[in-house]
Amino acid sequence: MNIELDLKQRVIDALHNHGIADASDDFVVENTKNPLHGDYACNAALKYASKAKCAPRALAEALIALIDKKGIAKIEIAGPGFINFFLEKDTINSIVKKVLDEDKNYGRGEKKNIKVNVEFVSANPTGDLHLGHARIAAVGDSICRIYDFAGYDVTREYYVNNAGNQIYTLGLSLDIRYRQLNGEKVELPEDSYHAQDIIDIATEFNKKYGAKYLEKTKENFEFITQFGMEAELNKIWKDLEEYRVKFDIVTLETDVRKDNHVQKVLEEKYKNYSYVQDGAVFLRTTDFLDDKDRCVVKSDGSYTYMMPDIAYHLIKLSRGYDLLIDVLGADHHGYINRMKSALMMQGYSKDTLEIELIQIVRLIKDGEEVRMSKRTGAGISLRELCEEVGVDAARYFFVARAGSAHLDFNLNLALEHSSSNPVYYAQYAHARLFKVLEQAKDIPLDETGKQLKEKQEIDLLKCINDFPKVIQNAAVKRAPHIVATYIQELASAIHSFYTECRVIDRDNLNVTSSRLALAKAAKITMRNALDVIGVSSPNVM
C-alpha cells in the first residue's frame, strides 16, 4: 500500500459519496513540509468546490465526515480549504515491512498489459558513438528500465540505417584506405570519413585478405563495405554493452527495403493520400498534423528518408505494440508531426507514436568547453567519456536533467568524491547503510518500525514511501530526471537520518532494531532507484 495513493482513493470515494460522480485523481495528496500541518495535505476541496457549489472549507468539512479514517489519527482543515491528514504511527511505520518483504520488487508497478517499443541510439555504423549518442543511450535505456519497472511490457529496438549515402561513403573511404595500404596513389575525398578507425578497419581487412579484393567490381566494393559496417557495428555493440545498454531487436534498413516492400507500402497503403508534383511523389500530411506536404519519392525515383521510415514504423506496429517511442536528437523536431500524420493515415491515433527529442551536450572541463579528443583529434566518444569518469557518472549526469534541456557535462564535478557530485552523494548514502548493517548484522531487525518517531526517521519513511509514485510519474512522463531528482532527495534523507539518529546503540537494542530495519529499507529503495537509471549501488566507496 502506498500511503498517498491510498489517501487519494479515500478522498475520491468521499467525493463520489458526496455526489460528485465524475471526481477523479486530478488533485494532489502530498507530504507536508511542516509537521504541525500533519503528515499529508490534500487540495481536493479547492479543486471541486465549484462543482459542489459551495465554499472549499464547507466541502472539506463534508469530505472529512465521509472519508474512511482507518489508520488516520485526525484530519484538520487549513487555510482556504486544504485537508491535512495526521496518520497513526503504525500507518507510516508499516512502510518498513513492505519494503523488506518486496525487496527488489519494491516500487514495481502492477502489470499493465501495455506493449511499448522504444527505439533509441540507432546511430549509423560509420564511426564511434559520440556524446549525443551517449546521452540518447542513457535516456532511452532509462526510459525502458522505468517502463519495465512500472509494469509495462517493453521492447528495446535499434534501427540500422545501412542503405543510404553514408554507408556508401563508408565503403568508399575503406576502399581508398585499402588501396593506399597496397601502394596505390589515390587520395581520400574531402567528404569521406577520415577518422583513425577507418584506417584501422582497412588495415584489419588488408591483413585478412591481402590484395584479393583490389579489383574494382561491384561485388568487391559491397564486400568491403559490409566488412566495414560489421566492424563498426561490433564496436557500437561493445561500447553500448559496457554502458549497460542492450537491445532486444535490431532491424536493418535493407530488410525493410527488401522485396520491394517500401514501394508496396506506398502503393497499397498510401494511394489515397499521395499525389505527383514536378515528377516527385508527395503525401498529404497537411490533412493531419503537418505544416506542409512531404515528399516521399524524389523526381529521380529515389526515396526520401521518410518513406522507408514510414514502412519501418508500420512493421513495428504490425508486431502488436500499443505505443511506439522514438528517442532522437533535437534536430528531428520537424520529424514529429510528419511521422504522426503518416501513421494517422492508417487509422492510428496521434498518440500511438511519441518522440522524445534529446538536446545537445557540451563537455566542460576547468570552466571551458572540450570539443576534441587529445588522443584522436576528433570529437569525444562515448568510450572515452566512460574511461574518463566511469559509466555511473556518465549515465547519471546524462539523465539528471530533462532530455529536452541543453546539458553542460561538468567533467571536474563528475570526478569529485564529495557531496557536490550527485552520483557520489547517492552512492555514498547506499554504502553508508551497507556498512552500518554489516557492523550490526548480529542484531535482529524490528520490521514493525514501532520505535521510529524522530523527525529524520519519519522524513526518511515518507521519502521511501514516495518511490512507487515516482516510478509511475516518471513512466507516464517518460522522464528519467524525475527519478534522478528523487534519488537526491532520498540520499539527503538517508544522510540526515544517519547523522542525527544513532543507528547502532547496543545499550538500546529496541531502538537500534527499528533503525536497522529502516536503514535496510532505505538501502533497498536507493538500490532500486539507481538501478532504474542504470547506475550501480556499490557497497564500499
Protein backbone atom coordinates (compact mmCIF):
# COMPACT_ATOMS: atom_id res chain seq x y z
CA MET A 1 0.00 0.00 0.00
CA ASN A 2 1.29 3.45 -0.97
CA ILE A 3 0.02 5.91 1.62
CA GLU A 4 -0.53 8.82 -0.76
CA LEU A 5 -2.37 6.70 -3.32
CA ASP A 6 -4.47 5.16 -0.54
CA LEU A 7 -5.42 8.57 0.86
CA LYS A 8 -6.21 9.84 -2.61
CA GLN A 9 -8.56 6.91 -3.25
CA ARG A 10 -10.31 7.54 0.06
CA VAL A 11 -10.86 11.18 -0.92
CA ILE A 12 -12.15 10.14 -4.36
CA ASP A 13 -14.62 7.75 -2.69
CA ALA A 14 -15.74 10.57 -0.38
CA LEU A 15 -16.23 12.91 -3.37
CA HIS A 16 -18.35 10.26 -5.10
CA ASN A 17 -20.41 9.73 -1.95
CA HIS A 18 -20.91 13.49 -1.76
CA GLY A 19 -22.48 13.38 -5.21
CA ILE A 20 -19.56 14.43 -7.41
CA ALA A 21 -19.74 11.41 -9.68
CA ASP A 22 -17.05 12.48 -12.15
CA ALA A 23 -14.39 13.12 -9.49
CA SER A 24 -11.03 11.60 -10.48
CA ASP A 25 -7.44 11.69 -9.27
CA ASP A 26 -6.71 15.16 -10.71
CA PHE A 27 -5.92 16.64 -7.30
CA VAL A 28 -2.84 16.45 -5.12
CA VAL A 29 -2.05 14.50 -1.97
CA GLU A 30 1.50 15.29 -0.87
CA ASN A 31 3.89 15.31 2.05
CA THR A 32 3.61 18.34 4.29
CA LYS A 33 6.78 20.30 4.96
CA ASN A 34 5.67 21.30 8.45
CA PRO A 35 4.70 18.52 10.93
CA LEU A 36 2.22 20.97 12.51
CA HIS A 37 0.21 20.65 9.29
CA GLY A 38 0.01 16.87 9.55
CA ASP A 39 1.70 14.16 7.53
CA TYR A 40 -0.10 14.69 4.22
CA ALA A 41 -2.11 17.54 2.71
CA CYS A 42 -4.81 17.44 0.03
CA ASN A 43 -6.29 20.18 -2.19
CA ALA A 44 -9.38 18.23 -3.37
CA ALA A 45 -11.83 20.60 -1.68
CA LEU A 46 -10.38 23.58 -3.54
CA LYS A 47 -10.38 21.63 -6.79
CA TYR A 48 -14.03 20.52 -6.60
CA ALA A 49 -15.69 23.36 -4.68
CA SER A 50 -17.26 24.86 -7.79
CA LYS A 51 -18.78 21.52 -8.80
CA ALA A 52 -20.08 21.04 -5.28
CA LYS A 53 -21.49 24.60 -5.43
CA CYS A 54 -20.13 25.53 -2.04
CA ALA A 55 -17.08 27.13 -0.44
CA PRO A 56 -13.92 24.98 -0.30
CA ARG A 57 -13.94 24.87 3.51
CA ALA A 58 -17.56 23.71 3.52
CA LEU A 59 -16.74 20.95 1.03
CA ALA A 60 -13.69 20.00 3.11
CA GLU A 61 -15.90 19.60 6.20
CA ALA A 62 -18.32 17.41 4.24
CA LEU A 63 -15.50 15.25 2.88
CA ILE A 64 -13.92 14.78 6.30
CA ALA A 65 -17.19 13.33 7.54
CA LEU A 66 -17.21 10.84 4.65
CA ILE A 67 -13.52 9.80 4.49
CA ASP A 68 -12.61 6.33 5.76
CA LYS A 69 -10.45 7.11 8.80
CA LYS A 70 -8.73 3.76 9.28
CA GLY A 71 -5.09 4.43 10.22
CA ILE A 72 -5.72 8.17 10.47
CA ALA A 73 -5.32 9.83 13.87
CA LYS A 74 -7.10 13.06 12.91
CA ILE A 75 -7.99 15.28 9.96
CA GLU A 76 -7.94 19.08 10.02
CA ILE A 77 -8.89 21.88 7.64
CA ALA A 78 -6.24 24.50 6.95
CA GLY A 79 -6.27 27.83 5.13
CA PRO A 80 -8.87 28.21 2.37
CA GLY A 81 -9.77 24.51 2.40
CA PHE A 82 -6.75 22.23 2.49
CA ILE A 83 -7.33 18.89 4.18
CA ASN A 84 -4.47 17.84 6.45
CA PHE A 85 -4.08 14.20 7.48
CA PHE A 86 -2.37 13.18 10.72
CA LEU A 87 -1.65 9.48 10.46
CA GLU A 88 -1.45 6.94 13.21
CA LYS A 89 2.12 5.98 13.94
CA ASP A 90 1.71 2.41 12.76
CA THR A 91 0.44 3.57 9.36
CA ILE A 92 3.71 5.28 8.44
CA ASN A 93 5.92 2.72 10.15
CA SER A 94 4.32 -0.12 8.18
CA ILE A 95 6.35 1.04 5.16
CA VAL A 96 9.43 -0.70 6.57
CA LYS A 97 7.96 -4.21 6.43
CA LYS A 98 6.51 -3.60 2.97
CA VAL A 99 9.93 -2.67 1.57
CA LEU A 100 11.72 -5.56 3.30
CA ASP A 101 9.11 -8.02 2.05
CA GLU A 102 9.18 -6.80 -1.54
CA ASP A 103 12.95 -6.15 -1.71
CA LYS A 104 13.96 -5.91 -5.40
CA ASN A 105 10.32 -5.53 -6.38
CA TYR A 106 9.68 -2.57 -4.08
CA GLY A 107 8.35 0.21 -6.28
CA ARG A 108 7.47 -2.14 -9.13
CA GLY A 109 4.05 -1.44 -10.62
CA GLU A 110 1.38 -3.97 -11.42
CA LYS A 111 1.37 -5.48 -14.91
CA LYS A 112 -0.48 -3.14 -17.27
CA ASN A 113 -0.71 -5.37 -20.35
CA ILE A 114 0.55 -2.49 -22.48
CA LYS A 115 3.25 -3.27 -25.05
CA VAL A 116 5.77 -0.48 -25.65
CA ASN A 117 8.52 -0.35 -28.26
CA VAL A 118 11.37 2.08 -27.59
CA GLU A 119 13.80 2.78 -30.41
CA PHE A 120 16.90 4.72 -29.44
CA VAL A 121 20.52 5.43 -30.40
CA SER A 122 20.16 3.95 -33.93
CA ALA A 123 23.47 5.59 -34.88
CA ASN A 124 24.75 4.99 -38.40
CA PRO A 125 27.51 2.34 -38.35
CA THR A 126 30.12 4.71 -39.74
CA GLY A 127 32.13 5.62 -36.64
CA ASP A 128 32.31 5.78 -32.87
CA LEU A 129 29.34 6.79 -30.71
CA HIS A 130 29.71 10.41 -29.63
CA LEU A 131 28.39 12.45 -26.69
CA GLY A 132 24.99 12.97 -28.33
CA HIS A 133 24.59 9.22 -28.73
CA ALA A 134 25.76 8.75 -25.14
CA ARG A 135 23.01 10.99 -23.80
CA ILE A 136 20.36 9.41 -26.03
CA ALA A 137 21.51 5.94 -24.91
CA ALA A 138 21.33 6.86 -21.22
CA VAL A 139 17.90 8.49 -21.55
CA GLY A 140 16.48 5.82 -23.87
CA ASP A 141 17.67 2.90 -21.75
CA SER A 142 16.45 4.58 -18.56
CA ILE A 143 13.02 5.11 -20.12
CA CYS A 144 12.96 1.38 -20.90
CA ARG A 145 14.01 0.43 -17.38
CA ILE A 146 11.41 2.76 -15.84
CA TYR A 147 8.65 1.48 -18.13
CA ASP A 148 9.55 -2.10 -17.28
CA PHE A 149 9.62 -1.37 -13.54
CA ALA A 150 6.30 0.47 -13.80
CA GLY A 151 4.63 -2.65 -15.20
CA TYR A 152 4.77 -2.18 -18.97
CA ASP A 153 5.93 -4.81 -21.49
CA VAL A 154 8.97 -3.14 -23.06
CA THR A 155 10.96 -3.92 -26.21
CA ARG A 156 14.24 -2.11 -26.92
CA GLU A 157 14.99 -1.66 -30.62
CA TYR A 158 17.94 -0.41 -32.68
CA TYR A 159 17.41 0.60 -36.32
CA VAL A 160 20.49 0.34 -38.54
CA ASN A 161 20.48 2.76 -41.47
CA ASN A 162 22.58 0.58 -43.75
CA ALA A 163 21.14 1.56 -47.13
CA GLY A 164 21.95 5.24 -47.56
CA ASN A 165 24.68 7.54 -48.79
CA GLN A 166 26.57 7.35 -45.50
CA ILE A 167 27.12 3.61 -45.92
CA TYR A 168 28.29 4.18 -49.48
CA THR A 169 30.72 6.81 -48.18
CA LEU A 170 31.94 4.35 -45.55
CA GLY A 171 32.62 1.77 -48.25
CA LEU A 172 34.36 4.32 -50.45
CA SER A 173 36.55 5.52 -47.57
CA LEU A 174 37.54 1.96 -46.65
CA ASP A 175 38.20 1.03 -50.26
CA ILE A 176 40.56 4.01 -50.72
CA ARG A 177 42.41 3.29 -47.46
CA TYR A 178 42.71 -0.36 -48.52
CA ARG A 179 44.21 0.68 -51.86
CA GLN A 180 46.62 3.07 -50.15
CA LEU A 181 47.81 0.21 -47.96
CA ASN A 182 48.53 -1.73 -51.15
CA GLY A 183 50.63 1.05 -52.68
CA GLU A 184 48.06 2.78 -54.89
CA LYS A 185 48.39 6.56 -55.23
CA VAL A 186 44.80 7.55 -54.52
CA GLU A 187 43.53 10.44 -52.43
CA LEU A 188 40.68 10.33 -49.93
CA PRO A 189 37.97 12.85 -50.94
CA GLU A 190 37.28 15.68 -48.50
CA ASP A 191 33.72 14.50 -47.80
CA SER A 192 34.86 10.97 -46.92
CA TYR A 193 35.49 9.55 -43.45
CA HIS A 194 38.97 10.48 -42.23
CA ALA A 195 38.88 9.08 -38.70
CA GLN A 196 41.54 6.68 -37.44
CA ASP A 197 39.03 3.86 -37.09
CA ILE A 198 38.63 3.73 -40.91
CA ILE A 199 42.39 3.21 -41.24
CA ASP A 200 42.26 0.55 -38.52
CA ILE A 201 39.43 -1.35 -40.22
CA ALA A 202 41.13 -1.12 -43.62
CA THR A 203 44.34 -2.43 -42.04
CA GLU A 204 42.46 -5.34 -40.49
CA PHE A 205 40.80 -6.07 -43.84
CA ASN A 206 44.13 -5.97 -45.65
CA LYS A 207 45.75 -8.24 -43.08
CA LYS A 208 42.93 -10.76 -43.51
CA TYR A 209 42.50 -10.69 -47.31
CA GLY A 210 45.64 -9.12 -48.76
CA ALA A 211 45.18 -7.92 -52.36
CA LYS A 212 42.28 -10.30 -53.04
CA TYR A 213 39.63 -7.57 -53.33
CA LEU A 214 41.57 -4.83 -55.15
CA GLU A 215 39.84 -5.41 -58.49
CA LYS A 216 37.24 -2.71 -58.99
CA THR A 217 34.00 -4.64 -59.12
CA LYS A 218 30.61 -4.04 -57.58
CA GLU A 219 30.88 -7.30 -55.63
CA ASN A 220 34.27 -6.36 -54.15
CA PHE A 221 33.04 -2.90 -53.17
CA GLU A 222 29.96 -4.37 -51.48
CA PHE A 223 32.14 -6.90 -49.66
CA ILE A 224 34.50 -4.33 -48.13
CA THR A 225 31.51 -2.10 -47.31
CA GLN A 226 29.82 -4.97 -45.47
CA PHE A 227 33.06 -5.78 -43.66
CA GLY A 228 33.40 -2.16 -42.53
CA MET A 229 29.78 -1.87 -41.44
CA GLU A 230 30.01 -5.04 -39.36
CA ALA A 231 33.25 -3.84 -37.77
CA GLU A 232 31.66 -0.51 -36.86
CA LEU A 233 28.54 -2.23 -35.51
CA ASN A 234 30.61 -4.59 -33.40
CA LYS A 235 32.30 -1.57 -31.82
CA ILE A 236 28.92 0.02 -31.17
CA TRP A 237 27.56 -3.15 -29.54
CA LYS A 238 30.65 -3.47 -27.36
CA ASP A 239 30.54 0.17 -26.24
CA LEU A 240 26.82 0.01 -25.50
CA GLU A 241 27.14 -3.23 -23.55
CA GLU A 242 29.82 -1.65 -21.35
CA TYR A 243 27.42 1.30 -20.98
CA ARG A 244 24.82 -1.21 -19.69
CA VAL A 245 22.62 -0.86 -22.77
CA LYS A 246 21.29 -3.88 -24.64
CA PHE A 247 18.68 -4.27 -27.36
CA ASP A 248 16.01 -6.91 -27.90
CA ILE A 249 15.62 -6.30 -31.63
CA VAL A 250 17.99 -4.95 -34.30
CA THR A 251 16.32 -4.03 -37.59
CA LEU A 252 18.30 -3.31 -40.77
CA GLU A 253 17.04 -0.76 -43.27
CA THR A 254 17.96 -3.22 -46.02
CA ASP A 255 15.48 -5.68 -44.51
CA VAL A 256 12.77 -3.01 -44.57
CA ARG A 257 13.53 -2.33 -48.24
CA LYS A 258 13.86 -5.92 -49.45
CA ASP A 259 11.30 -7.50 -51.80
CA ASN A 260 10.24 -4.01 -52.88
CA HIS A 261 8.43 -3.64 -49.54
CA VAL A 262 8.66 0.16 -49.34
CA GLN A 263 7.09 0.61 -52.77
CA LYS A 264 4.31 -1.83 -51.88
CA VAL A 265 3.55 0.16 -48.74
CA LEU A 266 3.37 3.37 -50.78
CA GLU A 267 1.13 1.87 -53.47
CA GLU A 268 -1.12 -0.23 -51.24
CA LYS A 269 -1.47 1.86 -48.11
CA TYR A 270 -0.92 5.46 -49.22
CA LYS A 271 -2.50 5.57 -52.66
CA ASN A 272 -5.36 7.77 -51.45
CA TYR A 273 -3.01 10.18 -49.67
CA SER A 274 -0.35 10.70 -52.36
CA TYR A 275 -0.02 12.90 -55.42
CA VAL A 276 2.63 13.70 -58.04
CA GLN A 277 4.10 17.17 -58.44
CA ASP A 278 7.04 18.02 -60.73
CA GLY A 279 7.78 14.32 -61.09
CA ALA A 280 8.02 13.73 -57.31
CA VAL A 281 5.54 11.93 -55.05
CA PHE A 282 4.13 13.75 -52.00
CA LEU A 283 1.96 12.67 -49.08
CA ARG A 284 -0.88 14.93 -47.94
CA THR A 285 0.40 15.17 -44.39
CA THR A 286 -1.27 18.60 -44.08
CA ASP A 287 -4.59 16.74 -43.91
CA PHE A 288 -3.47 15.79 -40.40
CA LEU A 289 -0.80 17.50 -38.26
CA ASP A 290 1.90 18.68 -40.64
CA ASP A 291 2.54 22.25 -41.78
CA LYS A 292 3.32 21.16 -45.36
CA ASP A 293 3.01 18.06 -47.52
CA ARG A 294 6.07 15.83 -47.55
CA CYS A 295 7.99 14.41 -50.49
CA VAL A 296 8.48 10.65 -50.20
CA VAL A 297 9.83 9.88 -53.70
CA LYS A 298 12.14 12.33 -55.46
CA SER A 299 11.84 13.16 -59.15
CA ASP A 300 14.76 10.82 -59.88
CA GLY A 301 12.76 7.91 -58.44
CA SER A 302 14.75 7.54 -55.20
CA TYR A 303 13.06 7.61 -51.82
CA THR A 304 13.49 10.38 -49.32
CA TYR A 305 14.38 9.03 -45.87
CA MET A 306 10.74 9.43 -44.83
CA MET A 307 9.22 6.64 -46.92
CA PRO A 308 11.41 3.78 -45.60
CA ASP A 309 10.86 5.21 -42.11
CA ILE A 310 7.09 5.03 -42.59
CA ALA A 311 7.38 1.41 -43.74
CA TYR A 312 9.60 0.65 -40.75
CA HIS A 313 7.14 2.15 -38.23
CA LEU A 314 4.30 0.15 -39.76
CA ILE A 315 6.39 -3.01 -39.39
CA LYS A 316 6.86 -2.21 -35.71
CA LEU A 317 3.14 -1.63 -35.23
CA SER A 318 2.36 -4.90 -37.01
CA ARG A 319 4.08 -6.68 -34.09
CA GLY A 320 1.26 -5.60 -31.79
CA TYR A 321 2.71 -2.69 -29.83
CA ASP A 322 0.32 -0.27 -28.18
CA LEU A 323 2.86 2.54 -28.14
CA LEU A 324 5.96 3.41 -30.16
CA ILE A 325 8.58 5.71 -28.68
CA ASP A 326 11.47 7.13 -30.70
CA VAL A 327 14.29 8.78 -28.77
CA LEU A 328 16.00 11.10 -31.23
CA GLY A 329 18.34 14.06 -31.43
CA ALA A 330 16.90 17.55 -31.19
CA ASP A 331 17.45 18.11 -34.93
CA HIS A 332 14.46 15.82 -35.60
CA HIS A 333 11.87 18.35 -34.42
CA GLY A 334 10.24 18.60 -37.85
CA TYR A 335 10.02 14.80 -37.99
CA ILE A 336 7.36 14.52 -35.29
CA ASN A 337 4.19 15.73 -36.99
CA ARG A 338 5.04 14.30 -40.40
CA MET A 339 5.51 10.78 -38.99
CA LYS A 340 2.48 11.03 -36.72
CA SER A 341 0.47 12.15 -39.77
CA ALA A 342 1.68 9.18 -41.83
CA LEU A 343 0.53 6.78 -39.11
CA MET A 344 -2.79 8.58 -38.69
CA MET A 345 -3.40 7.94 -42.40
CA GLN A 346 -3.51 4.26 -41.45
CA GLY A 347 -6.06 4.81 -38.69
CA TYR A 348 -3.68 5.06 -35.76
CA SER A 349 -4.12 7.64 -33.03
CA LYS A 350 -1.68 10.55 -32.99
CA ASP A 351 -0.62 9.26 -29.58
CA THR A 352 0.45 5.88 -30.96
CA LEU A 353 3.87 7.39 -31.65
CA GLU A 354 5.69 9.58 -29.14
CA ILE A 355 9.03 11.15 -29.95
CA GLU A 356 11.44 12.28 -27.27
CA LEU A 357 13.92 14.85 -28.51
CA ILE A 358 17.26 14.94 -26.72
CA GLN A 359 19.22 18.18 -26.72
CA ILE A 360 22.92 18.62 -27.32
CA VAL A 361 25.69 18.14 -24.77
CA ARG A 362 28.68 20.35 -24.04
CA LEU A 363 31.61 18.83 -22.20
CA ILE A 364 33.07 21.31 -19.71
CA LYS A 365 36.48 20.97 -18.03
CA ASP A 366 38.15 23.66 -15.92
CA GLY A 367 35.40 26.05 -16.97
CA GLU A 368 35.98 25.64 -20.72
CA GLU A 369 34.28 23.55 -23.37
CA VAL A 370 36.17 20.44 -24.55
CA ARG A 371 35.47 19.72 -28.19
CA MET A 372 38.18 17.36 -29.33
CA SER A 373 39.82 14.23 -28.03
CA LYS A 374 43.54 14.66 -27.30
CA ARG A 375 44.05 11.07 -28.38
CA THR A 376 42.28 11.11 -31.74
CA GLY A 377 41.85 14.77 -32.60
CA ALA A 378 38.15 14.06 -33.21
CA GLY A 379 35.07 14.57 -31.07
CA ILE A 380 34.92 12.90 -27.65
CA SER A 381 33.47 9.41 -27.93
CA LEU A 382 31.22 7.53 -25.52
CA ARG A 383 34.07 5.14 -24.87
CA GLU A 384 36.49 7.92 -23.91
CA LEU A 385 33.96 9.61 -21.64
CA CYS A 386 33.36 6.38 -19.74
CA GLU A 387 37.09 5.81 -19.44
CA GLU A 388 37.42 9.32 -18.01
CA VAL A 389 34.54 9.46 -15.49
CA GLY A 390 33.12 5.92 -15.36
CA VAL A 391 29.80 4.53 -16.56
CA ASP A 392 27.91 5.51 -13.38
CA ALA A 393 28.78 9.20 -13.57
CA ALA A 394 28.20 9.33 -17.33
CA ARG A 395 24.75 7.78 -17.12
CA TYR A 396 23.68 9.72 -14.03
CA PHE A 397 24.75 13.12 -15.35
CA PHE A 398 23.01 12.49 -18.69
CA VAL A 399 19.64 11.73 -17.08
CA ALA A 400 19.86 14.23 -14.21
CA ARG A 401 18.30 16.92 -16.42
CA ALA A 402 15.31 16.66 -18.72
CA GLY A 403 16.33 15.44 -22.16
CA SER A 404 14.68 18.49 -23.68
CA ALA A 405 17.16 20.78 -21.89
CA HIS A 406 20.69 21.54 -23.07
CA LEU A 407 23.31 19.91 -20.87
CA ASP A 408 26.72 21.09 -19.77
CA PHE A 409 28.53 17.97 -18.59
CA ASN A 410 30.99 19.10 -15.91
CA LEU A 411 33.95 16.70 -16.05
CA ASN A 412 35.52 18.14 -12.91
CA LEU A 413 32.33 17.63 -10.90
CA ALA A 414 31.86 14.09 -12.22
CA LEU A 415 35.28 13.16 -10.85
CA GLU A 416 34.79 14.71 -7.41
CA HIS A 417 34.46 12.46 -4.37
CA SER A 418 32.28 14.87 -2.45
CA SER A 419 28.66 15.69 -1.71
CA SER A 420 28.75 18.17 -4.60
CA ASN A 421 28.86 15.26 -7.03
CA PRO A 422 25.26 13.96 -7.15
CA VAL A 423 26.11 10.40 -8.17
CA TYR A 424 28.79 10.11 -5.48
CA TYR A 425 26.37 11.61 -2.93
CA ALA A 426 23.74 8.98 -3.78
CA GLN A 427 26.09 6.01 -3.94
CA TYR A 428 27.76 7.06 -0.68
CA ALA A 429 24.35 7.01 1.01
CA HIS A 430 23.92 3.39 -0.10
CA ALA A 431 27.44 2.44 1.00
CA ARG A 432 26.90 4.08 4.41
CA LEU A 433 23.82 1.98 5.03
CA PHE A 434 25.55 -1.19 3.89
CA LYS A 435 28.41 -0.54 6.32
CA VAL A 436 26.14 0.08 9.30
CA LEU A 437 24.11 -3.05 8.53
CA GLU A 438 27.30 -5.10 8.28
CA GLN A 439 28.50 -3.74 11.62
CA ALA A 440 25.25 -4.77 13.28
CA LYS A 441 24.41 -7.97 11.42
CA ASP A 442 24.20 -9.82 14.74
CA ILE A 443 21.26 -7.63 15.83
CA PRO A 444 17.80 -8.78 14.67
CA LEU A 445 15.69 -6.30 12.72
CA ASP A 446 12.38 -4.98 14.04
CA GLU A 447 10.29 -4.76 10.87
CA THR A 448 7.35 -3.12 12.67
CA GLY A 449 9.25 0.17 12.95
CA LYS A 450 7.41 0.76 16.23
CA GLN A 451 10.34 2.66 17.78
CA LEU A 452 10.63 5.14 14.92
CA LYS A 453 9.46 8.60 15.97
CA GLU A 454 12.25 11.12 15.36
CA LYS A 455 11.73 13.71 12.62
CA GLN A 456 14.59 12.34 10.50
CA GLU A 457 13.15 8.84 10.76
CA ILE A 458 9.67 9.94 9.72
CA ASP A 459 11.06 12.07 6.88
CA LEU A 460 13.01 9.08 5.58
CA LEU A 461 9.95 6.82 5.85
CA LYS A 462 7.87 9.29 3.85
CA CYS A 463 10.59 9.60 1.23
CA ILE A 464 10.80 5.80 0.88
CA ASN A 465 7.02 5.69 0.57
CA ASP A 466 7.19 8.13 -2.36
CA PHE A 467 9.21 5.76 -4.56
CA PRO A 468 6.36 3.80 -6.24
CA LYS A 469 4.61 7.08 -7.08
CA VAL A 470 7.85 8.49 -8.52
CA ILE A 471 8.24 5.46 -10.79
CA GLN A 472 4.71 5.75 -12.16
CA ASN A 473 5.09 9.50 -12.68
CA ALA A 474 8.44 9.08 -14.44
CA ALA A 475 6.95 6.40 -16.72
CA VAL A 476 3.90 8.47 -17.67
CA LYS A 477 6.10 11.48 -18.46
CA ARG A 478 8.98 9.42 -19.91
CA ALA A 479 11.24 11.48 -17.68
CA PRO A 480 14.21 9.70 -16.05
CA HIS A 481 15.28 13.01 -14.48
CA ILE A 482 12.30 12.65 -12.11
CA VAL A 483 13.97 9.52 -10.70
CA ALA A 484 17.35 11.27 -10.53
CA THR A 485 15.78 14.14 -8.57
CA TYR A 486 14.13 11.64 -6.22
CA ILE A 487 17.47 9.88 -5.69
CA GLN A 488 18.95 13.16 -4.41
CA GLU A 489 16.01 13.64 -2.05
CA LEU A 490 16.37 10.08 -0.78
CA ALA A 491 20.14 10.47 -0.34
CA SER A 492 19.59 13.67 1.63
CA ALA A 493 17.06 11.94 3.89
CA ILE A 494 19.45 9.00 4.40
CA HIS A 495 22.41 11.21 5.29
CA SER A 496 20.26 13.25 7.67
CA PHE A 497 18.96 10.10 9.36
CA TYR A 498 22.48 8.65 9.62
CA THR A 499 23.89 11.89 11.07
CA GLU A 500 21.12 12.80 13.52
CA CYS A 501 19.99 9.35 14.69
CA ARG A 502 22.40 6.99 16.34
CA VAL A 503 21.66 3.86 14.33
CA ILE A 504 23.66 1.36 16.42
CA ASP A 505 23.26 1.69 20.17
CA ARG A 506 23.93 -1.62 21.88
CA ASP A 507 22.60 -0.16 25.12
CA ASN A 508 19.22 0.42 23.47
CA LEU A 509 18.58 -2.56 21.22
CA ASN A 510 14.85 -1.88 20.77
CA VAL A 511 15.50 1.43 19.02
CA THR A 512 18.54 0.00 17.24
CA SER A 513 16.49 -2.88 15.79
CA SER A 514 13.92 -0.48 14.36
CA ARG A 515 16.56 1.84 12.96
CA LEU A 516 18.46 -1.01 11.35
CA ALA A 517 15.26 -2.17 9.66
CA LEU A 518 14.70 1.39 8.40
CA ALA A 519 18.31 1.51 7.18
CA LYS A 520 17.80 -1.70 5.22
CA ALA A 521 14.54 -0.41 3.73
CA ALA A 522 16.30 2.79 2.67
CA LYS A 523 19.20 0.83 1.17
CA ILE A 524 16.80 -1.33 -0.85
CA THR A 525 14.96 1.74 -2.11
CA MET A 526 18.18 3.50 -3.11
CA ARG A 527 19.43 0.40 -4.93
CA ASN A 528 16.16 0.03 -6.84
CA ALA A 529 16.09 3.73 -7.73
CA LEU A 530 19.66 3.75 -9.01
CA ASP A 531 19.03 0.57 -11.00
CA VAL A 532 16.16 2.07 -12.99
CA ILE A 533 18.55 4.67 -14.39
CA GLY A 534 21.31 2.13 -14.96
CA VAL A 535 23.60 3.26 -12.14
CA SER A 536 25.26 0.80 -9.76
CA SER A 537 24.86 0.80 -5.97
CA PRO A 538 28.30 -0.03 -4.53
CA ASN A 539 28.65 -1.30 -1.01
CA VAL A 540 32.01 0.36 -0.47
CA MET A 541 33.10 3.82 -1.60
